[in-house]
Amino acid sequence: MERYSALVAELVRRADVVPKHPDIRVEEIVAMSSLCLPVKTDRLLLRSFARGDLEGLSAYHTLPSMQRYTFSHTRDLEQVAGALKTMCRHVSLQRPGDTLTLAMEDKQTAQLIGHISLHWSDATAGQGEVRFLINPRHSGQGFAGEALTALFDMAFDHFHIHRLFARCDGRNHHSIKLLQRLGMRLEAHYREHALFQGEWDEELHFAILDREWQRSSKVKELPRHRVA
C-alpha cells in the first residue's frame, strides 16, 4: 500500500496541473469562459478535474469493461495520469474542437464517481457531442442521468448548441435506455463497423435538438426508435 501511495504521489507531481483547492467542492465558484463552476445538482457536484483526482479516476478508468468507452486506453496509473492531465485542460469551449470535461462528485461522500464531457464539434451548425463514463459501482442509481440533464441544460441554454449527439455501444443497454429517457432519438446504427479485442463493434448514434429538449423535460417515458 505504501508503495502504491508513493507511486500515486509521484504521478500527481508529474501531472503538472493546478492543485485542487481543498474547499472548491463546497464553497468556491470558479468562472471559466463565463460558465460558473462547479455546477450543483441534487446529489452531484460537477466540477473541473484536478491532479488530486488520480486515484478516483483510476478506480474506473482502468477497468477492462470501460476500455471500450474511453478515448485513450489506460491500463495502469501512469497512463491514467496522462489522461487526467488532458482532462484537466478541458475547462472551456472557446472554439470548435474544444471539449469541456466535468468530474461527477458525489456530494454526500465527496467521491469521484465518473465524468461527463461536451465536445464542440461544429460552430456553423451548432453541433455538440456528449460523452459520459461512470464507475460501475455507482451505476443504476440515476447519477448519469442527473449529470447529463445538467450538461444538456448547459449545452442548450449557456453554449447555445443547436443539436447534441451521443455515440453508444450497441450492447450497452443501460446507456441506450438512459439516452432514450433523456429524449434522444436513434438516428443511426453502424453494424460491425470496427473490431475491438477481436469482436465486431456495433455503434449507435443518438441526437436531440435544442427545441426538443425543452419539450422532453416534461416526458417521463419516451417511445423507442429503431433503425433497420
Protein backbone atom coordinates (compact mmCIF):
# COMPACT_ATOMS: atom_id res chain seq x y z
CA MET A 1 0.00 0.00 0.00
CA GLU A 2 2.87 2.41 0.84
CA ARG A 3 4.49 1.70 -2.49
CA TYR A 4 1.17 2.30 -4.28
CA SER A 5 0.67 5.62 -2.43
CA ALA A 6 4.19 6.73 -3.29
CA LEU A 7 3.56 5.97 -6.97
CA VAL A 8 0.34 7.95 -6.86
CA ALA A 9 2.12 10.92 -5.28
CA GLU A 10 4.88 10.85 -7.89
CA LEU A 11 2.43 10.68 -10.79
CA VAL A 12 0.39 13.53 -9.30
CA ARG A 13 3.56 15.64 -9.12
CA ARG A 14 4.42 14.84 -12.74
CA ALA A 15 0.89 15.63 -13.94
CA ASP A 16 1.90 19.32 -13.73
CA VAL A 17 -1.59 20.78 -13.30
CA VAL A 18 -3.12 23.21 -10.85
CA PRO A 19 -3.66 21.61 -7.42
CA LYS A 20 -7.18 21.05 -6.18
CA HIS A 21 -8.32 23.71 -3.71
CA PRO A 22 -9.46 21.96 -0.51
CA ASP A 23 -12.69 23.99 -0.36
CA ILE A 24 -13.66 24.04 -4.03
CA ARG A 25 -16.13 21.19 -3.60
CA VAL A 26 -18.35 23.18 -1.26
CA GLU A 27 -17.72 26.91 -1.39
CA GLU A 28 -15.55 28.17 -4.22
CA ILE A 29 -17.16 29.10 -7.53
CA VAL A 30 -14.77 29.29 -10.45
CA ALA A 31 -15.75 31.19 -13.55
CA MET A 32 -14.33 29.80 -16.79
CA SER A 33 -15.38 31.36 -20.06
CA SER A 34 -18.44 32.84 -18.33
CA LEU A 35 -19.54 29.40 -17.12
CA CYS A 36 -19.67 29.25 -13.33
CA LEU A 37 -18.18 26.10 -11.88
CA PRO A 38 -18.87 23.94 -10.01
CA VAL A 39 -22.41 23.18 -11.11
CA LYS A 40 -24.60 21.67 -8.40
CA THR A 41 -27.40 19.16 -8.90
CA ASP A 42 -29.45 17.41 -6.22
CA ARG A 43 -26.75 14.85 -5.45
CA LEU A 44 -23.73 15.85 -7.52
CA LEU A 45 -21.07 18.48 -7.83
CA LEU A 46 -19.97 18.88 -11.45
CA ARG A 47 -16.52 20.44 -11.43
CA SER A 48 -13.31 20.60 -13.39
CA PHE A 49 -10.73 17.85 -12.90
CA ALA A 50 -7.61 18.40 -10.81
CA ARG A 51 -4.50 16.38 -10.12
CA GLY A 52 -5.91 15.10 -6.82
CA ASP A 53 -8.40 13.02 -8.83
CA LEU A 54 -5.84 10.47 -9.96
CA GLU A 55 -6.87 7.67 -7.61
CA GLY A 56 -10.58 8.26 -8.13
CA LEU A 57 -10.21 8.31 -11.90
CA SER A 58 -8.05 5.18 -11.99
CA ALA A 59 -10.69 3.31 -9.94
CA TYR A 60 -12.90 3.07 -13.04
CA HIS A 61 -10.85 4.29 -15.99
CA THR A 62 -8.54 1.25 -15.94
CA LEU A 63 -11.30 -1.35 -15.74
CA PRO A 64 -11.27 -3.69 -18.77
CA SER A 65 -15.02 -3.22 -19.14
CA MET A 66 -14.50 0.54 -19.52
CA GLN A 67 -11.84 0.42 -22.23
CA ARG A 68 -14.44 0.14 -24.97
CA TYR A 69 -15.83 3.54 -23.99
CA THR A 70 -12.65 5.52 -23.34
CA PHE A 71 -10.85 7.55 -25.98
CA SER A 72 -7.43 6.70 -24.56
CA HIS A 73 -6.81 3.20 -23.26
CA THR A 74 -5.45 3.29 -19.72
CA ARG A 75 -4.13 0.08 -18.24
CA ASP A 76 -2.01 1.50 -15.40
CA LEU A 77 -1.63 4.57 -13.21
CA GLU A 78 0.91 6.24 -15.47
CA GLN A 79 -1.47 6.11 -18.42
CA VAL A 80 -4.33 7.38 -16.23
CA ALA A 81 -2.11 10.31 -15.19
CA GLY A 82 -1.72 11.20 -18.86
CA ALA A 83 -5.47 11.03 -19.40
CA LEU A 84 -6.05 13.13 -16.28
CA LYS A 85 -3.62 15.76 -17.48
CA THR A 86 -5.68 16.10 -20.68
CA MET A 87 -8.97 16.24 -18.76
CA CYS A 88 -7.63 19.00 -16.52
CA ARG A 89 -7.23 21.15 -19.63
CA HIS A 90 -10.79 20.58 -20.80
CA VAL A 91 -12.16 23.58 -18.93
CA SER A 92 -13.91 25.71 -21.56
CA LEU A 93 -15.38 25.89 -25.05
CA GLN A 94 -13.61 28.66 -26.91
CA ARG A 95 -13.59 27.31 -30.46
CA PRO A 96 -14.75 24.26 -32.47
CA GLY A 97 -12.78 21.21 -31.39
CA ASP A 98 -12.69 22.21 -27.73
CA THR A 99 -14.03 19.93 -25.01
CA LEU A 100 -15.46 20.68 -21.59
CA THR A 101 -14.98 17.76 -19.20
CA LEU A 102 -16.54 17.76 -15.74
CA ALA A 103 -15.93 15.39 -12.87
CA MET A 104 -19.01 13.88 -11.22
CA GLU A 105 -18.53 14.14 -7.49
CA ASP A 106 -20.99 12.65 -5.03
CA LYS A 107 -21.94 15.46 -2.63
CA GLN A 108 -22.54 13.08 0.25
CA THR A 109 -19.21 11.25 0.08
CA ALA A 110 -17.06 13.77 -1.87
CA GLN A 111 -16.08 10.77 -4.04
CA LEU A 112 -15.36 10.93 -7.76
CA ILE A 113 -17.82 8.54 -9.43
CA GLY A 114 -17.49 9.39 -13.13
CA HIS A 115 -17.30 12.22 -15.64
CA ILE A 116 -19.21 13.88 -18.46
CA SER A 117 -17.97 15.80 -21.49
CA LEU A 118 -19.31 18.25 -24.04
CA HIS A 119 -17.33 18.42 -27.28
CA TRP A 120 -17.97 21.39 -29.60
CA SER A 121 -17.78 19.69 -32.98
CA ASP A 122 -19.15 22.34 -35.35
CA ALA A 123 -19.76 26.08 -34.84
CA THR A 124 -21.65 26.91 -38.04
CA ALA A 125 -24.31 24.25 -37.45
CA GLY A 126 -24.14 24.43 -33.67
CA GLN A 127 -23.27 20.76 -33.18
CA GLY A 128 -22.03 19.22 -29.94
CA GLU A 129 -21.20 15.70 -28.81
CA VAL A 130 -21.96 14.36 -25.34
CA ARG A 131 -19.76 11.73 -23.71
CA PHE A 132 -20.02 10.13 -20.30
CA LEU A 133 -18.41 7.45 -18.17
CA ILE A 134 -19.39 6.28 -14.69
CA ASN A 135 -17.82 3.91 -12.20
CA PRO A 136 -19.83 0.65 -12.41
CA ARG A 137 -20.09 0.67 -8.60
CA HIS A 138 -22.34 3.72 -8.88
CA SER A 139 -24.33 2.81 -11.98
CA GLY A 140 -28.04 2.16 -11.81
CA GLN A 141 -28.62 4.92 -9.23
CA GLY A 142 -29.56 7.72 -11.60
CA PHE A 143 -26.29 9.64 -11.27
CA ALA A 144 -25.52 9.61 -15.00
CA GLY A 145 -28.99 10.87 -15.90
CA GLU A 146 -28.73 13.62 -13.29
CA ALA A 147 -25.35 14.75 -14.62
CA LEU A 148 -26.40 14.59 -18.27
CA THR A 149 -29.55 16.59 -17.59
CA ALA A 150 -27.38 19.37 -16.20
CA LEU A 151 -24.99 19.06 -19.14
CA PHE A 152 -27.86 19.30 -21.64
CA ASP A 153 -29.07 22.45 -19.88
CA MET A 154 -25.56 23.92 -20.16
CA ALA A 155 -25.23 22.95 -23.81
CA PHE A 156 -28.54 24.42 -24.92
CA ASP A 157 -29.01 27.35 -22.53
CA HIS A 158 -25.45 28.53 -21.94
CA PHE A 159 -23.49 27.50 -25.02
CA HIS A 160 -26.48 27.73 -27.40
CA ILE A 161 -25.78 24.39 -29.05
CA HIS A 162 -28.42 23.57 -31.67
CA ARG A 163 -28.04 19.79 -31.79
CA LEU A 164 -26.48 17.33 -29.38
CA PHE A 165 -25.49 13.81 -30.37
CA ALA A 166 -24.09 10.85 -28.49
CA ARG A 167 -22.44 7.62 -29.57
CA CYS A 168 -23.20 4.41 -27.75
CA ASP A 169 -22.10 0.79 -27.95
CA GLY A 170 -24.96 -1.34 -29.28
CA ARG A 171 -24.61 -3.78 -26.36
CA ASN A 172 -24.68 -1.13 -23.65
CA HIS A 173 -28.39 -1.43 -22.89
CA HIS A 174 -28.24 0.79 -19.79
CA SER A 175 -26.80 3.71 -21.76
CA ILE A 176 -29.28 3.16 -24.59
CA LYS A 177 -32.22 3.38 -22.18
CA LEU A 178 -30.69 6.41 -20.50
CA LEU A 179 -30.31 8.32 -23.76
CA GLN A 180 -33.86 7.46 -24.73
CA ARG A 181 -35.18 8.65 -21.37
CA LEU A 182 -33.40 11.95 -21.97
CA GLY A 183 -35.40 12.34 -25.17
CA MET A 184 -32.68 11.48 -27.66
CA ARG A 185 -33.71 9.60 -30.78
CA LEU A 186 -31.78 6.86 -32.53
CA GLU A 187 -30.54 8.26 -35.84
CA ALA A 188 -28.04 5.64 -36.98
CA HIS A 189 -26.90 2.09 -36.28
CA TYR A 190 -23.45 1.22 -37.57
CA ARG A 191 -23.25 -2.56 -37.78
CA GLU A 192 -19.87 -4.26 -37.42
CA HIS A 193 -18.09 -1.04 -38.30
CA ALA A 194 -14.92 -1.78 -36.31
CA LEU A 195 -13.07 -4.53 -34.46
CA PHE A 196 -12.45 -4.29 -30.72
CA GLN A 197 -10.46 -7.03 -28.98
CA GLY A 198 -11.33 -9.45 -31.77
CA GLU A 199 -15.07 -8.71 -31.73
CA TRP A 200 -17.22 -6.67 -34.09
CA ASP A 201 -18.34 -3.36 -32.65
CA GLU A 202 -21.91 -2.07 -33.02
CA GLU A 203 -22.26 1.69 -32.65
CA LEU A 204 -25.50 3.64 -32.20
CA HIS A 205 -25.87 7.39 -32.76
CA PHE A 206 -28.49 9.33 -30.80
CA ALA A 207 -29.37 13.02 -31.13
CA ILE A 208 -31.67 15.74 -29.82
CA LEU A 209 -32.36 19.34 -30.91
CA ASP A 210 -32.50 22.33 -28.59
CA ARG A 211 -36.26 22.80 -29.09
CA GLU A 212 -36.86 19.10 -28.42
CA TRP A 213 -35.03 19.27 -25.10
CA GLN A 214 -37.48 21.89 -23.87
CA ARG A 215 -40.37 19.51 -24.52
CA SER A 216 -38.74 16.27 -23.42
CA SER A 217 -38.01 17.53 -19.92
CA LYS A 218 -41.70 17.02 -19.14
CA VAL A 219 -41.89 13.49 -20.57
CA LYS A 220 -41.14 10.53 -18.30
CA GLU A 221 -41.27 7.69 -20.79
CA LEU A 222 -40.48 8.04 -24.48
CA PRO A 223 -41.21 5.63 -27.32
CA ARG A 224 -38.31 3.63 -28.69
CA HIS A 225 -36.96 4.44 -32.11
CA ARG A 226 -35.44 1.82 -34.33
CA VAL A 227 -33.21 1.97 -37.37
CA ALA A 228 -33.15 -1.10 -39.56
